[in-house]
Amino acid sequence: MGDTFSVADGYLFNMLTWTQYTGIDLAKWPSLQAFSARVQQRPSVQAALAAERP
């Protein structure tokens, strides 16, 4: 949201991942879709997502 990654960015990313379970198509909001893709590229996010998988 600003120059540095903040807890708000992390929470927004988390909320956006819920759209896959609710049927909300992020394609309607390209900036949110791009934000989610950028955050998902972060190594710390990839590690956290991998740790959640069984």
PDB file of N, CA and C in Angstrom:
ATOM      1  N   MET A   1       0.825  -1.196   0.000  1.00  0.00           N
ATOM      2  CA  MET A   1       0.000   0.000   0.000  1.00  0.00           C
ATOM      3  C   MET A   1       0.870   1.260   0.000  1.00  0.00           C
ATOM      4  N   GLY A   2       2.066   1.141   0.552  1.00  0.00           N
ATOM      5  CA  GLY A   2       2.991   2.264   0.548  1.00  0.00           C
ATOM      6  C   GLY A   2       4.321   1.811  -0.009  1.00  0.00           C
ATOM      7  N   ASP A   3       5.361   2.469   0.450  1.00  0.00           N
ATOM      8  CA  ASP A   3       6.702   2.136  -0.031  1.00  0.00           C
ATOM      9  C   ASP A   3       7.239   0.846   0.564  1.00  0.00           C
ATOM     10  N   THR A   4       6.737   0.460   1.730  1.00  0.00           N
ATOM     11  CA  THR A   4       7.207  -0.760   2.385  1.00  0.00           C
ATOM     12  C   THR A   4       6.032  -1.698   2.641  1.00  0.00           C
ATOM     13  N   PHE A   5       6.349  -2.966   2.697  1.00  0.00           N
ATOM     14  CA  PHE A   5       5.335  -3.986   2.973  1.00  0.00           C
ATOM     15  C   PHE A   5       4.908  -3.857   4.426  1.00  0.00           C
ATOM     16  N   SER A   6       3.608  -3.827   4.670  1.00  0.00           N
ATOM     17  CA  SER A   6       3.101  -3.643   6.024  1.00  0.00           C
ATOM     18  C   SER A   6       2.107  -4.743   6.370  1.00  0.00           C
ATOM     19  N   VAL A   7       1.675  -4.732   7.609  1.00  0.00           N
ATOM     20  CA  VAL A   7       0.681  -5.701   8.045  1.00  0.00           C
ATOM     21  C   VAL A   7      -0.613  -5.537   7.246  1.00  0.00           C
ATOM     22  N   ALA A   8      -0.918  -4.317   6.827  1.00  0.00           N
ATOM     23  CA  ALA A   8      -2.111  -4.088   6.005  1.00  0.00           C
ATOM     24  C   ALA A   8      -1.993  -4.804   4.657  1.00  0.00           C
ATOM     25  N   ASP A   9      -0.803  -4.790   4.079  1.00  0.00           N
ATOM     26  CA  ASP A   9      -0.577  -5.491   2.806  1.00  0.00           C
ATOM     27  C   ASP A   9      -0.764  -6.997   2.993  1.00  0.00           C
ATOM     28  N   GLY A  10      -0.194  -7.515   4.080  1.00  0.00           N
ATOM     29  CA  GLY A  10      -0.332  -8.941   4.360  1.00  0.00           C
ATOM     30  C   GLY A  10      -1.777  -9.334   4.571  1.00  0.00           C
ATOM     31  N   TYR A  11      -2.521  -8.502   5.278  1.00  0.00           N
ATOM     32  CA  TYR A  11      -3.927  -8.819   5.528  1.00  0.00           C
ATOM     33  C   TYR A  11      -4.745  -8.738   4.245  1.00  0.00           C
ATOM     34  N   LEU A  12      -4.472  -7.724   3.430  1.00  0.00           N
ATOM     35  CA  LEU A  12      -5.186  -7.626   2.151  1.00  0.00           C
ATOM     36  C   LEU A  12      -4.910  -8.852   1.297  1.00  0.00           C
ATOM     37  N   PHE A  13      -3.662  -9.288   1.247  1.00  0.00           N
ATOM     38  CA  PHE A  13      -3.334 -10.491   0.481  1.00  0.00           C
ATOM     39  C   PHE A  13      -4.123 -11.679   1.012  1.00  0.00           C
ATOM     40  N   ASN A  14      -4.166 -11.828   2.312  1.00  0.00           N
ATOM     41  CA  ASN A  14      -4.918 -12.926   2.914  1.00  0.00           C
ATOM     42  C   ASN A  14      -6.394 -12.865   2.521  1.00  0.00           C
ATOM     43  N   MET A  15      -6.975 -11.701   2.595  1.00  0.00           N
ATOM     44  CA  MET A  15      -8.383 -11.538   2.219  1.00  0.00           C
ATOM     45  C   MET A  15      -8.600 -11.869   0.738  1.00  0.00           C
ATOM     46  N   LEU A  16      -7.662 -11.472  -0.099  1.00  0.00           N
ATOM     47  CA  LEU A  16      -7.800 -11.737  -1.528  1.00  0.00           C
ATOM     48  C   LEU A  16      -7.700 -13.227  -1.839  1.00  0.00           C
ATOM     49  N   THR A  17      -6.951 -13.981  -1.040  1.00  0.00           N
ATOM     50  CA  THR A  17      -6.880 -15.419  -1.293  1.00  0.00           C
ATOM     51  C   THR A  17      -8.219 -16.094  -1.014  1.00  0.00           C
ATOM     52  N   TRP A  18      -9.029 -15.484  -0.162  1.00  0.00           N
ATOM     53  CA  TRP A  18     -10.339 -16.056   0.141  1.00  0.00           C
ATOM     54  C   TRP A  18     -11.286 -15.989  -1.048  1.00  0.00           C
ATOM     55  N   THR A  19     -10.996 -15.122  -2.013  1.00  0.00           N
ATOM     56  CA  THR A  19     -11.895 -14.993  -3.153  1.00  0.00           C
ATOM     57  C   THR A  19     -12.012 -16.294  -3.939  1.00  0.00           C
ATOM     58  N   GLN A  20     -10.979 -17.113  -3.905  1.00  0.00           N
ATOM     59  CA  GLN A  20     -11.045 -18.381  -4.639  1.00  0.00           C
ATOM     60  C   GLN A  20     -12.075 -19.326  -4.038  1.00  0.00           C
ATOM     61  N   TYR A  21     -12.403 -19.139  -2.765  1.00  0.00           N
ATOM     62  CA  TYR A  21     -13.376 -19.998  -2.098  1.00  0.00           C
ATOM     63  C   TYR A  21     -14.781 -19.405  -2.125  1.00  0.00           C
ATOM     64  N   THR A  22     -14.891 -18.131  -2.457  1.00  0.00           N
ATOM     65  CA  THR A  22     -16.185 -17.466  -2.458  1.00  0.00           C
ATOM     66  C   THR A  22     -16.734 -17.233  -3.856  1.00  0.00           C
ATOM     67  N   GLY A  23     -15.937 -17.548  -4.872  1.00  0.00           N
ATOM     68  CA  GLY A  23     -16.388 -17.374  -6.244  1.00  0.00           C
ATOM     69  C   GLY A  23     -16.258 -15.951  -6.765  1.00  0.00           C
ATOM     70  N   ILE A  24     -15.543 -15.102  -6.048  1.00  0.00           N
ATOM     71  CA  ILE A  24     -15.325 -13.735  -6.508  1.00  0.00           C
ATOM     72  C   ILE A  24     -14.171 -13.738  -7.504  1.00  0.00           C
ATOM     73  N   ASP A  25     -14.406 -13.176  -8.670  1.00  0.00           N
ATOM     74  CA  ASP A  25     -13.400 -13.149  -9.733  1.00  0.00           C
ATOM     75  C   ASP A  25     -12.601 -11.854  -9.653  1.00  0.00           C
ATOM     76  N   LEU A  26     -11.337 -11.967  -9.304  1.00  0.00           N
ATOM     77  CA  LEU A  26     -10.486 -10.780  -9.187  1.00  0.00           C
ATOM     78  C   LEU A  26     -10.188 -10.122 -10.529  1.00  0.00           C
ATOM     79  N   ALA A  27     -10.512 -10.780 -11.620  1.00  0.00           N
ATOM     80  CA  ALA A  27     -10.275 -10.180 -12.935  1.00  0.00           C
ATOM     81  C   ALA A  27     -11.063  -8.878 -13.097  1.00  0.00           C
ATOM     82  N   LYS A  28     -12.109  -8.718 -12.314  1.00  0.00           N
ATOM     83  CA  LYS A  28     -12.893  -7.481 -12.360  1.00  0.00           C
ATOM     84  C   LYS A  28     -12.107  -6.308 -11.772  1.00  0.00           C
ATOM     85  N   TRP A  29     -11.085  -6.617 -10.985  1.00  0.00           N
ATOM     86  CA  TRP A  29     -10.270  -5.605 -10.320  1.00  0.00           C
ATOM     87  C   TRP A  29      -8.800  -5.884 -10.620  1.00  0.00           C
ATOM     88  N   PRO A  30      -8.318  -5.459 -11.786  1.00  0.00           N
ATOM     89  CA  PRO A  30      -6.950  -5.775 -12.212  1.00  0.00           C
ATOM     90  C   PRO A  30      -5.872  -5.305 -11.233  1.00  0.00           C
ATOM     91  N   SER A  31      -6.081  -4.183 -10.579  1.00  0.00           N
ATOM     92  CA  SER A  31      -5.049  -3.710  -9.647  1.00  0.00           C
ATOM     93  C   SER A  31      -4.951  -4.628  -8.433  1.00  0.00           C
ATOM     94  N   LEU A  32      -6.074  -5.152  -7.948  1.00  0.00           N
ATOM     95  CA  LEU A  32      -6.029  -6.103  -6.840  1.00  0.00           C
ATOM     96  C   LEU A  32      -5.429  -7.432  -7.285  1.00  0.00           C
ATOM     97  N   GLN A  33      -5.744  -7.836  -8.485  1.00  0.00           N
ATOM     98  CA  GLN A  33      -5.183  -9.074  -9.025  1.00  0.00           C
ATOM     99  C   GLN A  33      -3.667  -8.945  -9.165  1.00  0.00           C
ATOM    100  N   ALA A  34      -3.199  -7.817  -9.632  1.00  0.00           N
ATOM    101  CA  ALA A  34      -1.764  -7.586  -9.785  1.00  0.00           C
ATOM    102  C   ALA A  34      -1.081  -7.519  -8.419  1.00  0.00           C
ATOM    103  N   PHE A  35      -1.716  -6.862  -7.465  1.00  0.00           N
ATOM    104  CA  PHE A  35      -1.175  -6.789  -6.109  1.00  0.00           C
ATOM    105  C   PHE A  35      -1.003  -8.188  -5.540  1.00  0.00           C
ATOM    106  N   SER A  36      -2.034  -9.014  -5.655  1.00  0.00           N
ATOM    107  CA  SER A  36      -1.987 -10.377  -5.136  1.00  0.00           C
ATOM    108  C   SER A  36      -0.862 -11.173  -5.790  1.00  0.00           C
ATOM    109  N   ALA A  37      -0.704 -11.026  -7.083  1.00  0.00           N
ATOM    110  CA  ALA A  37       0.358 -11.737  -7.801  1.00  0.00           C
ATOM    111  C   ALA A  37       1.739 -11.285  -7.326  1.00  0.00           C
ATOM    112  N   ARG A  38       1.901  -9.974  -7.099  1.00  0.00           N
ATOM    113  CA  ARG A  38       3.189  -9.462  -6.619  1.00  0.00           C
ATOM    114  C   ARG A  38       3.510  -9.983  -5.222  1.00  0.00           C
ATOM    115  N   VAL A  39       2.530  -9.967  -4.349  1.00  0.00           N
ATOM    116  CA  VAL A  39       2.768 -10.426  -2.983  1.00  0.00           C
ATOM    117  C   VAL A  39       3.066 -11.921  -2.977  1.00  0.00           C
ATOM    118  N   GLN A  40       2.376 -12.661  -3.808  1.00  0.00           N
ATOM    119  CA  GLN A  40       2.588 -14.113  -3.863  1.00  0.00           C
ATOM    120  C   GLN A  40       4.006 -14.456  -4.319  1.00  0.00           C
ATOM    121  N   GLN A  41       4.676 -13.552  -5.009  1.00  0.00           N
ATOM    122  CA  GLN A  41       6.053 -13.769  -5.469  1.00  0.00           C
ATOM    123  C   GLN A  41       7.081 -13.611  -4.348  1.00  0.00           C
ATOM    124  N   ARG A  42       6.691 -12.994  -3.252  1.00  0.00           N
ATOM    125  CA  ARG A  42       7.634 -12.737  -2.156  1.00  0.00           C
ATOM    126  C   ARG A  42       8.088 -14.065  -1.546  1.00  0.00           C
ATOM    127  N   PRO A  43       9.385 -14.252  -1.341  1.00  0.00           N
ATOM    128  CA  PRO A  43       9.882 -15.512  -0.777  1.00  0.00           C
ATOM    129  C   PRO A  43       9.262 -15.873   0.571  1.00  0.00           C
ATOM    130  N   SER A  44       9.036 -14.878   1.411  1.00  0.00           N
ATOM    131  CA  SER A  44       8.441 -15.168   2.723  1.00  0.00           C
ATOM    132  C   SER A  44       6.997 -15.645   2.587  1.00  0.00           C
ATOM    133  N   VAL A  45       6.289 -15.120   1.614  1.00  0.00           N
ATOM    134  CA  VAL A  45       4.902 -15.546   1.385  1.00  0.00           C
ATOM    135  C   VAL A  45       4.898 -16.965   0.814  1.00  0.00           C
ATOM    136  N   GLN A  46       5.789 -17.244  -0.116  1.00  0.00           N
ATOM    137  CA  GLN A  46       5.882 -18.588  -0.671  1.00  0.00           C
ATOM    138  C   GLN A  46       6.204 -19.600   0.413  1.00  0.00           C
ATOM    139  N   ALA A  47       7.090 -19.231   1.336  1.00  0.00           N
ATOM    140  CA  ALA A  47       7.448 -20.146   2.437  1.00  0.00           C
ATOM    141  C   ALA A  47       6.254 -20.361   3.354  1.00  0.00           C
ATOM    142  N   ALA A  48       5.505 -19.314   3.660  1.00  0.00           N
ATOM    143  CA  ALA A  48       4.343 -19.458   4.525  1.00  0.00           C
ATOM    144  C   ALA A  48       3.262 -20.314   3.873  1.00  0.00           C
ATOM    145  N   LEU A  49       3.042 -20.099   2.587  1.00  0.00           N
ATOM    146  CA  LEU A  49       2.044 -20.908   1.872  1.00  0.00           C
ATOM    147  C   LEU A  49       2.463 -22.373   1.808  1.00  0.00           C
ATOM    148  N   ALA A  50       3.753 -22.617   1.605  1.00  0.00           N
ATOM    149  CA  ALA A  50       4.254 -23.996   1.560  1.00  0.00           C
ATOM    150  C   ALA A  50       4.102 -24.671   2.920  1.00  0.00           C
ATOM    151  N   ALA A  51       4.299 -23.916   3.980  1.00  0.00           N
ATOM    152  CA  ALA A  51       4.180 -24.472   5.332  1.00  0.00           C
ATOM    153  C   ALA A  51       2.735 -24.837   5.662  1.00  0.00           C
ATOM    154  N   GLU A  52       1.773 -24.194   5.013  1.00  0.00           N
ATOM    155  CA  GLU A  52       0.354 -24.482   5.254  1.00  0.00           C
ATOM    156  C   GLU A  52      -0.111 -25.746   4.545  1.00  0.00           C
ATOM    157  N   ARG A  53       0.599 -26.139   3.496  1.00  0.00           N
ATOM    158  CA  ARG A  53       0.183 -27.314   2.723  1.00  0.00           C
ATOM    159  C   ARG A  53       0.512 -28.586   3.496  1.00  0.00           C
ATOM    160  N   PRO A  54      -0.395 -29.554   3.390  1.00  0.00           N
ATOM    161  CA  PRO A  54      -0.133 -30.826   4.099  1.00  0.00           C
ATOM    162  C   PRO A  54       1.018 -31.604   3.501  1.00  0.00           C
TER     163      PRO A  54
END
